[in-house]
Amino acid sequence: MTLKDWAIPTITVVFAAGVTVAGFEATAEDTEDLQDRVGQLESKAGKQEVIDLKIEGVEKRLDKMEDLQSQMMALQQQQAVNMAAVCQATNASCSR
């Protein structure tokens, strides 16, 4: 065997190995990039869940406040009716 018969297959194997290693490194980098992106998306999703829960809590409190306000308005209306009846029954001047 001559050096030429020996060198060409060796160079081919070394070149193929280099291409394979470069492919593995590129795949590893892509995998790391994807892991970073997934981590960011999971973080954003977690933050969005917290925001959604806060919004839900605020909506419940607003609904409760609206109910209380409606009850207060009904009570004030009844008080105004009662006051008008008292004023009329006593012939008092209640315009103040």
Protein backbone atom coordinates (compact mmCIF):
# COMPACT_ATOMS: atom_id res chain seq x y z
CA MET A 1 0.00 0.00 0.00
CA THR A 2 1.25 3.39 -0.90
CA LEU A 3 0.81 6.60 0.99
CA LYS A 4 -1.83 7.74 -1.51
CA ASP A 5 -3.95 4.60 -0.96
CA TRP A 6 -3.72 5.21 2.75
CA ALA A 7 -4.15 8.97 2.94
CA ILE A 8 -7.31 9.37 0.84
CA PRO A 9 -9.50 7.07 2.99
CA THR A 10 -8.01 8.59 6.16
CA ILE A 11 -8.74 12.14 5.00
CA THR A 12 -12.28 11.08 4.03
CA VAL A 13 -12.90 9.56 7.47
CA VAL A 14 -11.48 12.64 9.23
CA PHE A 15 -13.59 14.94 7.07
CA ALA A 16 -16.74 12.87 7.71
CA ALA A 17 -16.01 12.89 11.44
CA GLY A 18 -15.56 16.67 11.36
CA VAL A 19 -18.86 17.14 9.56
CA THR A 20 -20.59 14.85 12.06
CA VAL A 21 -19.13 16.72 15.05
CA ALA A 22 -20.16 20.07 13.52
CA GLY A 23 -23.68 18.71 13.01
CA PHE A 24 -23.84 17.57 16.64
CA GLU A 25 -22.64 20.96 17.86
CA ALA A 26 -25.21 22.79 15.73
CA THR A 27 -27.94 20.51 17.02
CA ALA A 28 -26.81 21.09 20.59
CA GLU A 29 -26.90 24.87 20.07
CA ASP A 30 -30.37 24.63 18.51
CA THR A 31 -31.52 22.53 21.46
CA GLU A 32 -30.20 25.10 23.93
CA ASP A 33 -31.94 27.90 22.00
CA LEU A 34 -35.19 25.97 22.03
CA GLN A 35 -34.83 25.29 25.77
CA ASP A 36 -34.34 29.02 26.36
CA ARG A 37 -37.40 29.86 24.27
CA VAL A 38 -39.52 27.25 26.06
CA GLY A 39 -38.33 28.62 29.40
CA GLN A 40 -39.29 32.14 28.38
CA LEU A 41 -42.70 31.00 27.17
CA GLU A 42 -43.32 29.05 30.37
CA SER A 43 -42.32 32.11 32.38
CA LYS A 44 -44.68 34.31 30.38
CA ALA A 45 -47.46 31.74 30.74
CA GLY A 46 -46.93 31.66 34.50
CA LYS A 47 -47.04 35.45 34.68
CA GLN A 48 -50.19 35.47 32.55
CA GLU A 49 -51.84 32.97 34.93
CA VAL A 50 -51.03 35.22 37.88
CA ILE A 51 -52.43 38.23 36.02
CA ASP A 52 -55.57 36.29 35.11
CA LEU A 53 -56.06 35.33 38.76
CA LYS A 54 -55.62 38.94 39.85
CA ILE A 55 -58.11 40.12 37.24
CA GLU A 56 -60.58 37.48 38.40
CA GLY A 57 -60.19 38.69 42.00
CA VAL A 58 -60.70 42.31 40.97
CA GLU A 59 -63.81 41.39 38.98
CA LYS A 60 -65.27 39.59 42.00
CA ARG A 61 -64.59 42.59 44.24
CA LEU A 62 -66.16 44.95 41.69
CA ASP A 63 -69.25 42.74 41.46
CA LYS A 64 -69.53 42.76 45.25
CA MET A 65 -69.13 46.55 45.35
CA GLU A 66 -71.84 46.96 42.70
CA ASP A 67 -74.19 44.76 44.73
CA LEU A 68 -73.50 46.78 47.88
CA GLN A 69 -74.04 50.04 46.00
CA SER A 70 -77.38 48.77 44.67
CA GLN A 71 -78.44 47.81 48.19
CA MET A 72 -77.42 51.25 49.50
CA MET A 73 -79.38 52.98 46.74
CA ALA A 74 -82.49 50.93 47.52
CA LEU A 75 -82.12 51.77 51.22
CA GLN A 76 -81.70 55.49 50.48
CA GLN A 77 -84.76 55.45 48.23
CA GLN A 78 -86.80 53.81 50.99
CA GLN A 79 -85.51 56.36 53.49
CA ALA A 80 -86.52 59.21 51.16
CA VAL A 81 -90.02 57.72 50.81
CA ASN A 82 -90.27 57.34 54.60
CA MET A 83 -89.05 60.93 55.16
CA ALA A 84 -91.62 62.26 52.68
CA ALA A 85 -94.37 60.32 54.49
CA VAL A 86 -93.27 61.71 57.87
CA CYS A 87 -93.16 65.26 56.49
CA GLN A 88 -96.61 64.90 54.95
CA ALA A 89 -98.09 63.33 58.11
CA THR A 90 -96.73 66.08 60.38
CA ASN A 91 -97.30 68.94 57.94
CA ALA A 92 -93.63 69.82 58.39
CA SER A 93 -91.52 71.82 55.94
CA CYS A 94 -88.90 69.26 54.89
CA SER A 95 -87.52 71.04 51.84
CA ARG A 96 -84.11 71.66 53.40
